[in-house]
C-alpha atoms as a PDB file:
ATOM      1  CA  MET A   1      -8.946  -8.486  24.680  1.00  0.00           C
ATOM      2  CA  GLN A   2      -5.220  -8.917  25.400  1.00  0.00           C
ATOM      3  CA  ARG A   3      -5.888 -10.685  28.703  1.00  0.00           C
ATOM      4  CA  THR A   4      -8.512 -12.967  27.183  1.00  0.00           C
ATOM      5  CA  ILE A   5      -6.284 -14.075  24.305  1.00  0.00           C
ATOM      6  CA  THR A   6      -3.328 -14.566  26.658  1.00  0.00           C
ATOM      7  CA  ALA A   7      -5.469 -16.655  29.034  1.00  0.00           C
ATOM      8  CA  ILE A   8      -6.724 -18.799  26.151  1.00  0.00           C
ATOM      9  CA  GLU A   9      -3.155 -19.207  24.867  1.00  0.00           C
ATOM     10  CA  ARG A  10      -1.954 -20.347  28.276  1.00  0.00           C
ATOM     11  CA  LEU A  11      -4.777 -22.866  28.554  1.00  0.00           C
ATOM     12  CA  ILE A  12      -4.282 -24.360  25.103  1.00  0.00           C
ATOM     13  CA  LEU A  13      -0.483 -24.384  25.576  1.00  0.00           C
ATOM     14  CA  ARG A  14      -1.024 -26.519  28.664  1.00  0.00           C
ATOM     15  CA  ILE A  15      -3.230 -28.861  26.649  1.00  0.00           C
ATOM     16  CA  ALA A  16      -0.534 -29.009  23.933  1.00  0.00           C
ATOM     17  CA  ALA A  17       2.063 -29.858  26.585  1.00  0.00           C
ATOM     18  CA  ILE A  18      -0.184 -32.624  27.924  1.00  0.00           C
ATOM     19  CA  CYS A  19      -0.457 -33.987  24.374  1.00  0.00           C
ATOM     20  CA  VAL A  20       3.345 -34.038  24.040  1.00  0.00           C
ATOM     21  CA  ILE A  21       3.658 -35.840  27.378  1.00  0.00           C
ATOM     22  CA  ALA A  22       0.972 -38.318  26.281  1.00  0.00           C
ATOM     23  CA  ILE A  23       2.847 -38.931  23.016  1.00  0.00           C
ATOM     24  CA  MET A  24       6.037 -39.593  24.948  1.00  0.00           C
ATOM     25  CA  LEU A  25       4.342 -41.987  27.359  1.00  0.00           C
ATOM     26  CA  ILE A  26       2.504 -43.867  24.597  1.00  0.00           C
ATOM     27  CA  VAL A  27       5.639 -44.217  22.461  1.00  0.00           C
ATOM     28  CA  CYS A  28       7.693 -45.427  25.446  1.00  0.00           C
ATOM     29  CA  THR A  29       4.988 -47.868  26.531  1.00  0.00           C
ATOM     30  CA  ASP A  30       4.604 -49.116  22.972  1.00  0.00           C
ATOM     31  CA  ALA A  31       8.350 -49.632  22.583  1.00  0.00           C
ATOM     32  CA  VAL A  32       8.696 -51.463  25.894  1.00  0.00           C
ATOM     33  CA  SER A  33       5.661 -53.641  25.257  1.00  0.00           C
ATOM     34  CA  ARG A  34       6.777 -54.339  21.686  1.00  0.00           C
ATOM     35  CA  TYR A  35      10.291 -55.488  22.573  1.00  0.00           C
ATOM     36  CA  ALA A  36       9.894 -56.750  26.146  1.00  0.00           C
ATOM     37  CA  ILE A  37       6.645 -58.713  25.941  1.00  0.00           C
ATOM     38  CA  HIS A  38       6.085 -58.790  22.149  1.00  0.00           C
ATOM     39  CA  ARG A  39       2.679 -57.112  22.502  1.00  0.00           C
ATOM     40  CA  PRO A  40       2.757 -53.651  20.866  1.00  0.00           C
ATOM     41  CA  LEU A  41      -0.077 -51.187  21.261  1.00  0.00           C
ATOM     42  CA  PRO A  42      -1.889 -51.493  17.914  1.00  0.00           C
ATOM     43  CA  TRP A  43      -3.782 -48.218  18.420  1.00  0.00           C
ATOM     44  CA  ALA A  44      -0.772 -46.085  19.399  1.00  0.00           C
ATOM     45  CA  PHE A  45       0.258 -44.882  15.932  1.00  0.00           C
ATOM     46  CA  ASP A  46      -3.282 -43.893  14.970  1.00  0.00           C
ATOM     47  CA  LEU A  47      -3.979 -42.027  18.215  1.00  0.00           C
ATOM     48  CA  ILE A  48      -0.710 -40.143  17.990  1.00  0.00           C
ATOM     49  CA  THR A  49      -0.931 -39.216  14.309  1.00  0.00           C
ATOM     50  CA  TYR A  50      -4.672 -38.487  14.060  1.00  0.00           C
ATOM     51  CA  TYR A  51      -5.094 -36.558  17.304  1.00  0.00           C
ATOM     52  CA  LEU A  52      -2.153 -35.919  19.603  1.00  0.00           C
ATOM     53  CA  LEU A  53       0.376 -34.543  17.098  1.00  0.00           C
ATOM     54  CA  ILE A  54      -2.251 -32.315  15.504  1.00  0.00           C
ATOM     55  CA  ALA A  55      -3.326 -30.974  18.904  1.00  0.00           C
ATOM     56  CA  ALA A  56       0.270 -30.458  20.062  1.00  0.00           C
ATOM     57  CA  LEU A  57       1.094 -28.496  16.918  1.00  0.00           C
ATOM     58  CA  TYR A  58      -1.993 -26.349  16.420  1.00  0.00           C
ATOM     59  CA  LEU A  59      -2.695 -25.588  20.065  1.00  0.00           C
ATOM     60  CA  ALA A  60       0.841 -24.245  20.481  1.00  0.00           C
ATOM     61  CA  ILE A  61       1.127 -21.967  17.434  1.00  0.00           C
ATOM     62  CA  SER A  62      -0.405 -18.821  18.947  1.00  0.00           C
ATOM     63  CA  GLY A  63       1.580 -19.079  22.170  1.00  0.00           C
ATOM     64  CA  THR A  64       4.717 -19.688  20.152  1.00  0.00           C
ATOM     65  CA  PHE A  65       4.084 -16.527  18.130  1.00  0.00           C
ATOM     66  CA  GLN A  66       3.337 -14.549  21.286  1.00  0.00           C
ATOM     67  CA  SER A  67       6.599 -15.607  22.930  1.00  0.00           C
ATOM     68  CA  GLY A  68       8.644 -14.923  19.786  1.00  0.00           C
ATOM     69  CA  ASP A  69       9.761 -18.514  19.388  1.00  0.00           C
ATOM     70  CA  HIS A  70       8.831 -18.983  15.718  1.00  0.00           C
ATOM     71  CA  ILE A  71      11.586 -19.140  13.151  1.00  0.00           C
ATOM     72  CA  ASN A  72      12.287 -15.676  11.776  1.00  0.00           C
ATOM     73  CA  ILE A  73      14.200 -14.659   8.687  1.00  0.00           C
ATOM     74  CA  ASP A  74      15.418 -11.217   9.597  1.00  0.00           C
ATOM     75  CA  LEU A  75      18.369 -10.576   7.316  1.00  0.00           C
ATOM     76  CA  PHE A  76      17.063  -7.165   6.258  1.00  0.00           C
ATOM     77  CA  ARG A  77      14.362  -6.654   8.848  1.00  0.00           C
ATOM     78  CA  ASN A  78      16.691  -5.685  11.683  1.00  0.00           C
ATOM     79  CA  ILE A  79      18.386  -2.921   9.661  1.00  0.00           C
ATOM     80  CA  MET A  80      15.082  -1.332   8.602  1.00  0.00           C
ATOM     81  CA  PRO A  81      13.794   1.773  10.340  1.00  0.00           C
ATOM     82  CA  LYS A  82      11.276   0.913  13.053  1.00  0.00           C
ATOM     83  CA  ARG A  83       8.318   2.573  11.276  1.00  0.00           C
ATOM     84  CA  LEU A  84       8.949   0.626   8.052  1.00  0.00           C
ATOM     85  CA  ARG A  85       9.405  -2.590  10.013  1.00  0.00           C
ATOM     86  CA  ASN A  86       6.122  -1.978  11.867  1.00  0.00           C
ATOM     87  CA  ALA A  87       4.297  -1.202   8.614  1.00  0.00           C
ATOM     88  CA  LEU A  88       5.576  -4.418   7.032  1.00  0.00           C
ATOM     89  CA  ASP A  89       4.711  -6.353  10.200  1.00  0.00           C
ATOM     90  CA  VAL A  90       1.147  -5.023  10.019  1.00  0.00           C
ATOM     91  CA  ILE A  91       0.864  -6.083   6.356  1.00  0.00           C
ATOM     92  CA  TRP A  92       2.201  -9.593   6.851  1.00  0.00           C
ATOM     93  CA  GLY A  93       0.243  -9.923  10.113  1.00  0.00           C
ATOM     94  CA  VAL A  94      -3.055  -9.116   8.403  1.00  0.00           C
ATOM     95  CA  LEU A  95      -2.249 -11.534   5.574  1.00  0.00           C
ATOM     96  CA  ALA A  96      -1.292 -14.255   8.059  1.00  0.00           C
ATOM     97  CA  ALA A  97      -4.450 -13.595  10.108  1.00  0.00           C
ATOM     98  CA  ILE A  98      -6.544 -14.033   6.974  1.00  0.00           C
ATOM     99  CA  ALA A  99      -4.735 -17.273   6.120  1.00  0.00           C
ATOM    100  CA  PHE A 100      -5.129 -18.709   9.618  1.00  0.00           C
ATOM    101  CA  GLY A 101      -8.742 -17.528   9.758  1.00  0.00           C
ATOM    102  CA  VAL A 102      -9.418 -19.462   6.556  1.00  0.00           C
ATOM    103  CA  ILE A 103      -7.698 -22.509   8.070  1.00  0.00           C
ATOM    104  CA  ALA A 104      -9.830 -22.213  11.230  1.00  0.00           C
ATOM    105  CA  LEU A 105     -13.073 -21.845   9.297  1.00  0.00           C
ATOM    106  CA  GLY A 106     -12.147 -24.678   6.935  1.00  0.00           C
ATOM    107  CA  ALA A 107     -11.355 -26.981   9.856  1.00  0.00           C
ATOM    108  CA  ALA A 108     -14.645 -26.092  11.550  1.00  0.00           C
ATOM    109  CA  GLU A 109     -16.521 -26.772   8.329  1.00  0.00           C
ATOM    110  CA  GLU A 110     -14.763 -30.113   7.785  1.00  0.00           C
ATOM    111  CA  MET A 111     -15.433 -31.070  11.408  1.00  0.00           C
ATOM    112  CA  THR A 112     -19.125 -30.339  10.974  1.00  0.00           C
ATOM    113  CA  LYS A 113     -19.284 -32.369   7.745  1.00  0.00           C
ATOM    114  CA  ALA A 114     -17.382 -35.300   9.239  1.00  0.00           C
ATOM    115  CA  TYR A 115     -19.644 -35.311  12.290  1.00  0.00           C
ATOM    116  CA  ALA A 116     -22.841 -35.060  10.217  1.00  0.00           C
ATOM    117  CA  ASN A 117     -21.687 -37.852   7.888  1.00  0.00           C
ATOM    118  CA  ARG A 118     -20.473 -40.009  10.794  1.00  0.00           C
ATOM    119  CA  GLU A 119     -17.054 -40.403   9.205  1.00  0.00           C
ATOM    120  CA  PHE A 120     -14.406 -42.591  10.798  1.00  0.00           C
ATOM    121  CA  LEU A 121     -10.678 -42.867  10.189  1.00  0.00           C
ATOM    122  CA  PRO A 122      -9.241 -46.210   9.110  1.00  0.00           C
ATOM    123  CA  GLY A 123      -7.128 -48.178  11.536  1.00  0.00           C
ATOM    124  CA  TYR A 124      -7.158 -50.691  14.357  1.00  0.00           C
ATOM    125  CA  ILE A 125      -9.840 -48.609  16.064  1.00  0.00           C
ATOM    126  CA  ALA A 126     -12.456 -46.716  14.046  1.00  0.00           C
ATOM    127  CA  TRP A 127     -11.567 -43.244  15.316  1.00  0.00           C
ATOM    128  CA  PRO A 128     -14.138 -40.493  14.691  1.00  0.00           C
ATOM    129  CA  ALA A 129     -12.839 -38.218  11.931  1.00  0.00           C
ATOM    130  CA  TRP A 130     -14.411 -35.051  13.321  1.00  0.00           C
ATOM    131  CA  ALA A 131     -12.366 -35.225  16.533  1.00  0.00           C
ATOM    132  CA  SER A 132      -9.110 -34.290  14.823  1.00  0.00           C
ATOM    133  CA  TYR A 133     -10.457 -30.921  13.622  1.00  0.00           C
ATOM    134  CA  PRO A 134     -11.237 -28.957  16.824  1.00  0.00           C
ATOM    135  CA  ALA A 135      -7.561 -28.465  17.684  1.00  0.00           C
ATOM    136  CA  ILE A 136      -6.907 -27.096  14.200  1.00  0.00           C
ATOM    137  CA  ALA A 137      -9.880 -24.729  14.356  1.00  0.00           C
ATOM    138  CA  ILE A 138      -9.073 -23.517  17.873  1.00  0.00           C
ATOM    139  CA  GLY A 139      -5.325 -23.131  17.356  1.00  0.00           C
ATOM    140  CA  ALA A 140      -5.606 -21.363  14.003  1.00  0.00           C
ATOM    141  CA  GLY A 141      -8.494 -19.208  15.249  1.00  0.00           C
ATOM    142  CA  VAL A 142      -6.629 -18.051  18.355  1.00  0.00           C
ATOM    143  CA  LEU A 143      -3.548 -17.267  16.260  1.00  0.00           C
ATOM    144  CA  ALA A 144      -5.684 -15.242  13.820  1.00  0.00           C
ATOM    145  CA  LEU A 145      -7.069 -13.217  16.739  1.00  0.00           C
ATOM    146  CA  ARG A 146      -3.580 -12.764  18.234  1.00  0.00           C
ATOM    147  CA  LEU A 147      -2.262 -11.562  14.861  1.00  0.00           C
ATOM    148  CA  LEU A 148      -5.113  -9.076  14.432  1.00  0.00           C
ATOM    149  CA  LEU A 149      -4.578  -7.703  17.935  1.00  0.00           C
ATOM    150  CA  HIS A 150      -0.824  -7.499  17.246  1.00  0.00           C
ATOM    151  CA  CYS A 151      -1.440  -5.592  14.003  1.00  0.00           C
ATOM    152  CA  PHE A 152      -3.838  -3.202  15.718  1.00  0.00           C
ATOM    153  CA  LYS A 153      -1.340  -2.438  18.487  1.00  0.00           C
ATOM    154  CA  LEU A 154       1.499  -1.953  16.010  1.00  0.00           C
ATOM    155  CA  ALA A 155      -0.616   0.362  13.859  1.00  0.00           C
ATOM    156  CA  VAL A 156      -1.992   2.417  16.759  1.00  0.00           C
ATOM    157  CA  HIS A 157       0.801   2.361  19.358  1.00  0.00           C
ATOM    158  CA  GLY A 158       3.862   1.450  17.285  1.00  0.00           C
ATOM    159  CA  GLU A 159       4.577  -1.546  19.513  1.00  0.00           C
ATOM    160  CA  ASP A 160       2.924  -4.575  21.038  1.00  0.00           C
ATOM    161  CA  LYS A 161       4.194  -5.411  24.504  1.00  0.00           C
ATOM    162  CA  GLY A 162       2.050  -8.559  24.475  1.00  0.00           C
ATOM    163  CA  VAL A 163       4.245 -10.142  21.792  1.00  0.00           C
ATOM    164  CA  ALA A 164       7.981 -10.707  22.215  1.00  0.00           C
ATOM    165  CA  ASP A 165      10.128  -8.382  20.091  1.00  0.00           C
ATOM    166  CA  THR A 166      12.456 -10.423  17.888  1.00  0.00           C
ATOM    167  CA  SER A 167      14.027  -7.444  16.117  1.00  0.00           C
ATOM    168  CA  GLY A 168      17.216  -7.604  18.135  1.00  0.00           C
ATOM    169  CA  GLU A 169      16.600  -4.160  19.622  1.00  0.00           C
ATOM    170  CA  HIS A 170      16.901  -4.034  23.361  1.00  0.00           C
ATOM    171  CA  VAL A 171      14.882  -1.319  25.010  1.00  0.00           C
ATOM    172  CA  GLU A 172      16.277  -0.268  28.396  1.00  0.00           C
END
């Protein structure tokens, strides 16, 4: 399970990186065409906000958690005994997994409804509404699975070597 989730995270992180590169290229092209030839890209804002930013954010959240790069508030956490810290990590991890599971299921449901109703987003181009939901469902779903695996490993083994330790402890 660890290898599968890690492989999925790597794949969707690459897609998120491609989305960030695409955003950069579109914004630069739009700026140059707007000020150099007075012909902005009228679809750029909609494409970036409806699809690319959402994909860049949601497809990166599980990999960001796995690498320990999320913001942490650890004022008291680092002075807690390891067993208490692990127990609290399991509790918050299960709660977070439930929350992200609900987000994933909600996004999948909204995607299905938008597709069935043939909904389109307003703008210069009538973008299909359903197409902005897969990244949310996939990203939140993968994070929910990563969190559940993390909680299981913490509960059973007392550590999860598949997730970066942000406690400040250095094991040598």
